[in-house]
C-alpha atoms as a PDB file:
ATOM      1  CA  UNK A   1     127.330 143.754 117.569  1.00  0.00           C
ATOM      2  CA  UNK A   2     129.677 144.951 120.345  1.00  0.00           C
ATOM      3  CA  UNK A   3     127.001 147.370 121.534  1.00  0.00           C
ATOM      4  CA  UNK A   4     124.343 144.648 121.714  1.00  0.00           C
ATOM      5  CA  UNK A   5     122.448 145.971 118.711  1.00  0.00           C
ATOM      6  CA  UNK A   6     120.928 143.877 115.945  1.00  0.00           C
ATOM      7  CA  UNK A   7     119.115 144.660 112.724  1.00  0.00           C
ATOM      8  CA  UNK A   8     116.545 142.717 110.731  1.00  0.00           C
ATOM      9  CA  UNK A   9     116.516 144.585 107.400  1.00  0.00           C
ATOM     10  CA  UNK A  10     113.474 142.880 105.859  1.00  0.00           C
ATOM     11  CA  UNK A  11     110.527 141.366 107.681  1.00  0.00           C
ATOM     12  CA  UNK A  12     106.829 140.927 106.939  1.00  0.00           C
ATOM     13  CA  UNK A  13     104.482 143.620 108.205  1.00  0.00           C
ATOM     14  CA  UNK A  14     102.292 142.854 111.191  1.00  0.00           C
ATOM     15  CA  UNK A  15     102.825 141.738 114.817  1.00  0.00           C
ATOM     16  CA  UNK A  16     105.941 139.736 115.687  1.00  0.00           C
ATOM     17  CA  UNK A  17     107.330 138.112 118.776  1.00  0.00           C
ATOM     18  CA  UNK A  18     111.082 138.767 119.101  1.00  0.00           C
ATOM     19  CA  UNK A  19     113.361 136.528 121.129  1.00  0.00           C
ATOM     20  CA  UNK A  20     116.883 135.159 121.168  1.00  0.00           C
ATOM     21  CA  UNK A  21     117.605 131.655 119.907  1.00  0.00           C
ATOM     22  CA  UNK A  22     118.402 129.297 122.844  1.00  0.00           C
ATOM     23  CA  UNK A  23     122.016 128.102 122.926  1.00  0.00           C
ATOM     24  CA  UNK A  24     123.264 125.328 125.162  1.00  0.00           C
ATOM     25  CA  UNK A  25     126.597 127.122 125.680  1.00  0.00           C
ATOM     26  CA  UNK A  26     125.169 130.583 126.468  1.00  0.00           C
ATOM     27  CA  UNK A  27     123.764 131.208 129.985  1.00  0.00           C
ATOM     28  CA  UNK A  28     121.377 133.980 128.932  1.00  0.00           C
ATOM     29  CA  UNK A  29     118.163 134.318 126.965  1.00  0.00           C
ATOM     30  CA  UNK A  30     115.791 137.142 126.095  1.00  0.00           C
ATOM     31  CA  UNK A  31     112.325 137.764 124.733  1.00  0.00           C
ATOM     32  CA  UNK A  32     110.296 140.882 124.123  1.00  0.00           C
ATOM     33  CA  UNK A  33     107.277 141.614 126.296  1.00  0.00           C
ATOM     34  CA  UNK A  34     104.261 141.232 124.058  1.00  0.00           C
ATOM     35  CA  UNK A  35     104.365 141.687 120.289  1.00  0.00           C
ATOM     36  CA  UNK A  36     106.275 144.168 118.133  1.00  0.00           C
ATOM     37  CA  UNK A  37     104.097 145.684 115.401  1.00  0.00           C
ATOM     38  CA  UNK A  38     105.893 146.231 112.081  1.00  0.00           C
ATOM     39  CA  UNK A  39     104.287 148.801 109.768  1.00  0.00           C
ATOM     40  CA  UNK A  40     105.159 149.670 106.142  1.00  0.00           C
ATOM     41  CA  UNK A  41     107.886 152.277 105.757  1.00  0.00           C
ATOM     42  CA  UNK A  42     108.630 152.486 109.490  1.00  0.00           C
ATOM     43  CA  UNK A  43     111.346 151.100 111.732  1.00  0.00           C
ATOM     44  CA  UNK A  44     110.227 149.201 114.794  1.00  0.00           C
ATOM     45  CA  UNK A  45     112.564 149.256 117.780  1.00  0.00           C
ATOM     46  CA  UNK A  46     112.612 146.909 120.727  1.00  0.00           C
ATOM     47  CA  UNK A  47     114.807 146.571 123.817  1.00  0.00           C
ATOM     48  CA  UNK A  48     115.433 143.011 124.976  1.00  0.00           C
ATOM     49  CA  UNK A  49     116.678 142.451 128.518  1.00  0.00           C
ATOM     50  CA  UNK A  50     118.779 139.338 129.060  1.00  0.00           C
ATOM     51  CA  UNK A  51     117.643 136.865 131.699  1.00  0.00           C
ATOM     52  CA  UNK A  52     119.723 134.072 133.164  1.00  0.00           C
ATOM     53  CA  UNK A  53     119.032 130.627 131.717  1.00  0.00           C
ATOM     54  CA  UNK A  54     118.898 127.451 133.799  1.00  0.00           C
ATOM     55  CA  UNK A  55     121.855 125.084 133.825  1.00  0.00           C
ATOM     56  CA  UNK A  56     120.442 121.667 132.958  1.00  0.00           C
ATOM     57  CA  UNK A  57     122.101 118.321 133.599  1.00  0.00           C
ATOM     58  CA  UNK A  58     121.111 114.954 132.156  1.00  0.00           C
ATOM     59  CA  UNK A  59     122.265 111.462 131.324  1.00  0.00           C
ATOM     60  CA  UNK A  60     121.676 109.022 128.442  1.00  0.00           C
ATOM     61  CA  UNK A  61     121.699 105.328 129.327  1.00  0.00           C
ATOM     62  CA  UNK A  62     121.193 102.025 127.560  1.00  0.00           C
ATOM     63  CA  UNK A  63     117.883 100.334 128.289  1.00  0.00           C
ATOM     64  CA  UNK A  64     118.310  97.297 130.526  1.00  0.00           C
ATOM     65  CA  UNK A  65     122.007  97.782 131.317  1.00  0.00           C
ATOM     66  CA  UNK A  66     122.171 101.352 132.705  1.00  0.00           C
ATOM     67  CA  UNK A  67     125.333 101.811 130.604  1.00  0.00           C
ATOM     68  CA  UNK A  68     126.079 105.442 129.731  1.00  0.00           C
ATOM     69  CA  UNK A  69     125.973 106.262 126.016  1.00  0.00           C
ATOM     70  CA  UNK A  70     128.341 108.876 124.618  1.00  0.00           C
ATOM     71  CA  UNK A  71     127.986 110.900 121.440  1.00  0.00           C
ATOM     72  CA  UNK A  72     124.229 111.520 121.713  1.00  0.00           C
ATOM     73  CA  UNK A  73     123.069 115.014 120.773  1.00  0.00           C
ATOM     74  CA  UNK A  74     120.224 115.983 123.100  1.00  0.00           C
ATOM     75  CA  UNK A  75     118.131 119.153 122.923  1.00  0.00           C
ATOM     76  CA  UNK A  76     116.165 120.475 125.902  1.00  0.00           C
ATOM     77  CA  UNK A  77     114.293 122.882 123.604  1.00  0.00           C
ATOM     78  CA  UNK A  78     113.181 122.905 119.989  1.00  0.00           C
ATOM     79  CA  UNK A  79     116.119 124.897 118.602  1.00  0.00           C
ATOM     80  CA  UNK A  80     119.020 122.883 117.175  1.00  0.00           C
ATOM     81  CA  UNK A  81     121.446 125.325 118.835  1.00  0.00           C
ATOM     82  CA  UNK A  82     120.256 124.072 122.221  1.00  0.00           C
ATOM     83  CA  UNK A  83     121.536 120.532 121.559  1.00  0.00           C
ATOM     84  CA  UNK A  84     124.151 119.162 123.976  1.00  0.00           C
ATOM     85  CA  UNK A  85     126.397 116.130 123.389  1.00  0.00           C
ATOM     86  CA  UNK A  86     126.786 113.384 125.981  1.00  0.00           C
ATOM     87  CA  UNK A  87     130.247 112.288 127.110  1.00  0.00           C
ATOM     88  CA  UNK A  88     131.516 108.725 127.389  1.00  0.00           C
ATOM     89  CA  UNK A  89     129.706 108.329 130.728  1.00  0.00           C
ATOM     90  CA  UNK A  90     126.455 109.387 129.084  1.00  0.00           C
ATOM     91  CA  UNK A  91     126.259 112.683 130.960  1.00  0.00           C
ATOM     92  CA  UNK A  92     125.670 116.091 129.389  1.00  0.00           C
ATOM     93  CA  UNK A  93     125.022 119.619 130.583  1.00  0.00           C
ATOM     94  CA  UNK A  94     124.278 123.043 129.186  1.00  0.00           C
ATOM     95  CA  UNK A  95     121.752 125.862 129.447  1.00  0.00           C
ATOM     96  CA  UNK A  96     118.056 126.065 128.619  1.00  0.00           C
ATOM     97  CA  UNK A  97     115.437 128.784 129.094  1.00  0.00           C
ATOM     98  CA  UNK A  98     112.692 128.179 131.678  1.00  0.00           C
ATOM     99  CA  UNK A  99     109.666 126.539 130.142  1.00  0.00           C
ATOM    100  CA  UNK A 100     111.580 124.181 127.852  1.00  0.00           C
ATOM    101  CA  UNK A 101     109.454 121.027 127.640  1.00  0.00           C
ATOM    102  CA  UNK A 102     111.153 118.595 125.261  1.00  0.00           C
ATOM    103  CA  UNK A 103     114.137 116.310 125.754  1.00  0.00           C
ATOM    104  CA  UNK A 104     114.720 115.419 122.123  1.00  0.00           C
ATOM    105  CA  UNK A 105     117.529 113.234 120.753  1.00  0.00           C
ATOM    106  CA  UNK A 106     118.802 114.944 117.592  1.00  0.00           C
ATOM    107  CA  UNK A 107     121.550 112.481 116.626  1.00  0.00           C
ATOM    108  CA  UNK A 108     122.496 109.011 117.873  1.00  0.00           C
ATOM    109  CA  UNK A 109     125.715 107.014 117.546  1.00  0.00           C
ATOM    110  CA  UNK A 110     125.550 103.792 115.492  1.00  0.00           C
ATOM    111  CA  UNK A 111     123.987 100.821 117.225  1.00  0.00           C
ATOM    112  CA  UNK A 112     120.969 102.530 118.800  1.00  0.00           C
ATOM    113  CA  UNK A 113     117.375 103.114 117.733  1.00  0.00           C
ATOM    114  CA  UNK A 114     115.650 106.484 117.836  1.00  0.00           C
ATOM    115  CA  UNK A 115     112.946 106.447 120.563  1.00  0.00           C
ATOM    116  CA  UNK A 116     109.346 107.152 119.583  1.00  0.00           C
ATOM    117  CA  UNK A 117     107.300 107.219 122.793  1.00  0.00           C
ATOM    118  CA  UNK A 118     110.058 106.972 125.397  1.00  0.00           C
ATOM    119  CA  UNK A 119     111.114 110.620 125.158  1.00  0.00           C
ATOM    120  CA  UNK A 120     110.820 112.277 128.595  1.00  0.00           C
ATOM    121  CA  UNK A 121     108.667 115.386 128.893  1.00  0.00           C
ATOM    122  CA  UNK A 122     109.586 117.964 131.483  1.00  0.00           C
ATOM    123  CA  UNK A 123     109.106 121.622 132.309  1.00  0.00           C
ATOM    124  CA  UNK A 124     112.301 123.501 133.134  1.00  0.00           C
ATOM    125  CA  UNK A 125     111.268 125.680 136.110  1.00  0.00           C
ATOM    126  CA  UNK A 126     112.005 129.325 136.726  1.00  0.00           C
ATOM    127  CA  UNK A 127     114.003 130.791 139.607  1.00  0.00           C
ATOM    128  CA  UNK A 128     116.447 127.867 139.875  1.00  0.00           C
ATOM    129  CA  UNK A 129     120.143 127.741 139.065  1.00  0.00           C
ATOM    130  CA  UNK A 130     120.498 124.018 138.235  1.00  0.00           C
ATOM    131  CA  UNK A 131     117.905 121.482 137.129  1.00  0.00           C
ATOM    132  CA  UNK A 132     118.341 117.729 136.569  1.00  0.00           C
ATOM    133  CA  UNK A 133     116.535 116.350 133.527  1.00  0.00           C
ATOM    134  CA  UNK A 134     114.933 112.883 133.448  1.00  0.00           C
ATOM    135  CA  UNK A 135     117.120 110.062 132.160  1.00  0.00           C
ATOM    136  CA  UNK A 136     116.895 109.374 128.429  1.00  0.00           C
ATOM    137  CA  UNK A 137     117.003 105.638 127.643  1.00  0.00           C
ATOM    138  CA  UNK A 138     117.987 104.228 124.258  1.00  0.00           C
ATOM    139  CA  UNK A 139     117.550 100.710 122.911  1.00  0.00           C
ATOM    140  CA  UNK A 140     120.311  98.827 121.143  1.00  0.00           C
ATOM    141  CA  UNK A 141     119.703  98.321 117.436  1.00  0.00           C
ATOM    142  CA  UNK A 142     121.241  96.584 114.464  1.00  0.00           C
ATOM    143  CA  UNK A 143     120.875  96.121 110.715  1.00  0.00           C
ATOM    144  CA  UNK A 144     118.680  93.846 108.659  1.00  0.00           C
ATOM    145  CA  UNK A 145     120.422  93.019 105.388  1.00  0.00           C
ATOM    146  CA  UNK A 146     119.120  91.184 102.401  1.00  0.00           C
ATOM    147  CA  UNK A 147     119.169  90.382  98.695  1.00  0.00           C
ATOM    148  CA  UNK A 148     116.303  90.628  96.205  1.00  0.00           C
ATOM    149  CA  UNK A 149     116.465  88.317  93.201  1.00  0.00           C
ATOM    150  CA  UNK A 150     114.220  87.885  90.173  1.00  0.00           C
ATOM    151  CA  UNK A 151     113.557  84.804  88.085  1.00  0.00           C
ATOM    152  CA  UNK A 152     116.752  82.956  87.381  1.00  0.00           C
ATOM    153  CA  UNK A 153     118.224  84.210  90.692  1.00  0.00           C
ATOM    154  CA  UNK A 154     119.417  87.418  89.068  1.00  0.00           C
ATOM    155  CA  UNK A 155     119.894  90.455  91.388  1.00  0.00           C
ATOM    156  CA  UNK A 156     116.896  92.800  91.199  1.00  0.00           C
ATOM    157  CA  UNK A 157     118.091  96.415  90.938  1.00  0.00           C
ATOM    158  CA  UNK A 158     116.064  99.402  92.122  1.00  0.00           C
ATOM    159  CA  UNK A 159     113.430  97.323  93.910  1.00  0.00           C
ATOM    160  CA  UNK A 160     111.640  98.906  96.866  1.00  0.00           C
ATOM    161  CA  UNK A 161     111.752  96.890 100.068  1.00  0.00           C
ATOM    162  CA  UNK A 162     109.373  97.656 102.936  1.00  0.00           C
ATOM    163  CA  UNK A 163     110.404  96.632 106.444  1.00  0.00           C
ATOM    164  CA  UNK A 164     107.685  96.636 109.130  1.00  0.00           C
ATOM    165  CA  UNK A 165     107.837  95.853 112.829  1.00  0.00           C
ATOM    166  CA  UNK A 166     106.246  96.653 116.186  1.00  0.00           C
ATOM    167  CA  UNK A 167     108.364  97.447 119.227  1.00  0.00           C
ATOM    168  CA  UNK A 168     107.215  97.643 122.829  1.00  0.00           C
ATOM    169  CA  UNK A 169     109.407 100.542 123.864  1.00  0.00           C
ATOM    170  CA  UNK A 170     110.083 100.816 127.592  1.00  0.00           C
ATOM    171  CA  UNK A 171     107.239  98.467 128.536  1.00  0.00           C
ATOM    172  CA  UNK A 172     104.616 100.949 127.361  1.00  0.00           C
ATOM    173  CA  UNK A 173     102.859  99.818 124.191  1.00  0.00           C
ATOM    174  CA  UNK A 174     103.857  98.455 120.819  1.00  0.00           C
ATOM    175  CA  UNK A 175     104.770 101.129 118.286  1.00  0.00           C
ATOM    176  CA  UNK A 176     104.224 100.106 114.627  1.00  0.00           C
ATOM    177  CA  UNK A 177     107.048 101.212 112.346  1.00  0.00           C
ATOM    178  CA  UNK A 178     107.631 100.858 108.616  1.00  0.00           C
ATOM    179  CA  UNK A 179     110.697 101.820 106.581  1.00  0.00           C
ATOM    180  CA  UNK A 180     111.155 101.645 102.804  1.00  0.00           C
ATOM    181  CA  UNK A 181     114.596 101.231 101.221  1.00  0.00           C
ATOM    182  CA  UNK A 182     115.740 100.511  97.669  1.00  0.00           C
ATOM    183  CA  UNK A 183     118.090  97.808  96.402  1.00  0.00           C
ATOM    184  CA  UNK A 184     121.439  98.821  94.933  1.00  0.00           C
ATOM    185  CA  UNK A 185     123.154  97.692  91.709  1.00  0.00           C
ATOM    186  CA  UNK A 186     123.900  94.308  93.290  1.00  0.00           C
ATOM    187  CA  UNK A 187     120.297  93.779  94.410  1.00  0.00           C
ATOM    188  CA  UNK A 188     121.187  94.162  98.074  1.00  0.00           C
ATOM    189  CA  UNK A 189     119.513  96.349 100.702  1.00  0.00           C
ATOM    190  CA  UNK A 190     120.120  97.439 104.302  1.00  0.00           C
ATOM    191  CA  UNK A 191     117.599  98.524 106.931  1.00  0.00           C
ATOM    192  CA  UNK A 192     119.434 100.168 109.830  1.00  0.00           C
ATOM    193  CA  UNK A 193     118.503 101.078 113.419  1.00  0.00           C
ATOM    194  CA  UNK A 194     116.190  98.111 113.886  1.00  0.00           C
ATOM    195  CA  UNK A 195     115.715  97.411 117.636  1.00  0.00           C
ATOM    196  CA  UNK A 196     117.354  94.190 118.725  1.00  0.00           C
ATOM    197  CA  UNK A 197     115.005  91.264 119.241  1.00  0.00           C
ATOM    198  CA  UNK A 198     112.066  92.520 117.181  1.00  0.00           C
ATOM    199  CA  UNK A 199     110.689  90.495 114.291  1.00  0.00           C
ATOM    200  CA  UNK A 200     110.754  92.370 110.983  1.00  0.00           C
ATOM    201  CA  UNK A 201     108.479  91.633 108.040  1.00  0.00           C
ATOM    202  CA  UNK A 202     110.162  92.241 104.664  1.00  0.00           C
ATOM    203  CA  UNK A 203     108.258  92.753 101.413  1.00  0.00           C
ATOM    204  CA  UNK A 204     109.648  93.698  97.992  1.00  0.00           C
ATOM    205  CA  UNK A 205     107.802  95.188  95.048  1.00  0.00           C
ATOM    206  CA  UNK A 206     108.673  96.660  91.670  1.00  0.00           C
ATOM    207  CA  UNK A 207     106.062  97.608  89.056  1.00  0.00           C
ATOM    208  CA  UNK A 208     103.845  94.526  88.597  1.00  0.00           C
ATOM    209  CA  UNK A 209     106.156  92.238  90.576  1.00  0.00           C
ATOM    210  CA  UNK A 210     106.107  91.671  94.334  1.00  0.00           C
ATOM    211  CA  UNK A 211     106.940  89.019  96.894  1.00  0.00           C
ATOM    212  CA  UNK A 212     104.183  86.524  97.631  1.00  0.00           C
ATOM    213  CA  UNK A 213     104.249  87.129 101.401  1.00  0.00           C
ATOM    214  CA  UNK A 214     106.432  88.990 103.947  1.00  0.00           C
ATOM    215  CA  UNK A 215     109.716  87.343 104.883  1.00  0.00           C
ATOM    216  CA  UNK A 216     110.429  87.454 108.632  1.00  0.00           C
ATOM    217  CA  UNK A 217     113.877  88.507 109.828  1.00  0.00           C
ATOM    218  CA  UNK A 218     115.686  90.077 112.799  1.00  0.00           C
ATOM    219  CA  UNK A 219     118.572  92.482 113.320  1.00  0.00           C
ATOM    220  CA  UNK A 220     121.837  90.771 112.431  1.00  0.00           C
ATOM    221  CA  UNK A 221     120.204  88.357 109.986  1.00  0.00           C
ATOM    222  CA  UNK A 222     120.280  88.341 106.190  1.00  0.00           C
ATOM    223  CA  UNK A 223     117.345  87.396 103.969  1.00  0.00           C
ATOM    224  CA  UNK A 224     116.739  86.598 100.316  1.00  0.00           C
ATOM    225  CA  UNK A 225     113.538  87.925  98.767  1.00  0.00           C
ATOM    226  CA  UNK A 226     112.253  86.529  95.490  1.00  0.00           C
END
């Protein structure tokens, strides 16, 4: 409240660590020293002293082109409230407590794939005012669309389609990925955020019926599965 006081009316008994939730737009953070022991029928009190957070600056770019990507929500800590949004030039800034170790994309604009192994790891240091985070690179992605038909070329409704591919992200090593989607009332399906250039294996199955072998496709292509 206006006096800086807070109240947690119901909490499990035992030792607890108390801290503030990191916020990208708030230049302060706090945590209790040690643990606060909560006992039955008693009120535990703690005084939390605010410490200044570190102003962090970063940029999100497109792999291979160095183009800035806007509209990416990036968190420099685990809490969702610490997520910052990149501008049209791909740059973002905010505040993070010292010790934050993850640069995690929380939401991407259409046309890009979520990275798996290419997420930078960093330790936000103490006793600094500003700190530049490593560049986050994203790969362009598209959709694989298709149609599943049964005997007589009739649209197959409610069929599960598995899409599998491997992607060598950032020149590191191939990451196997599989996604399962379901066909709609017209027998069509869409697999989104497939990295451009990768070969996707498509298989459909429903009860005792399944495709004979995977159908190969790529982002931007359409396939018919029988």
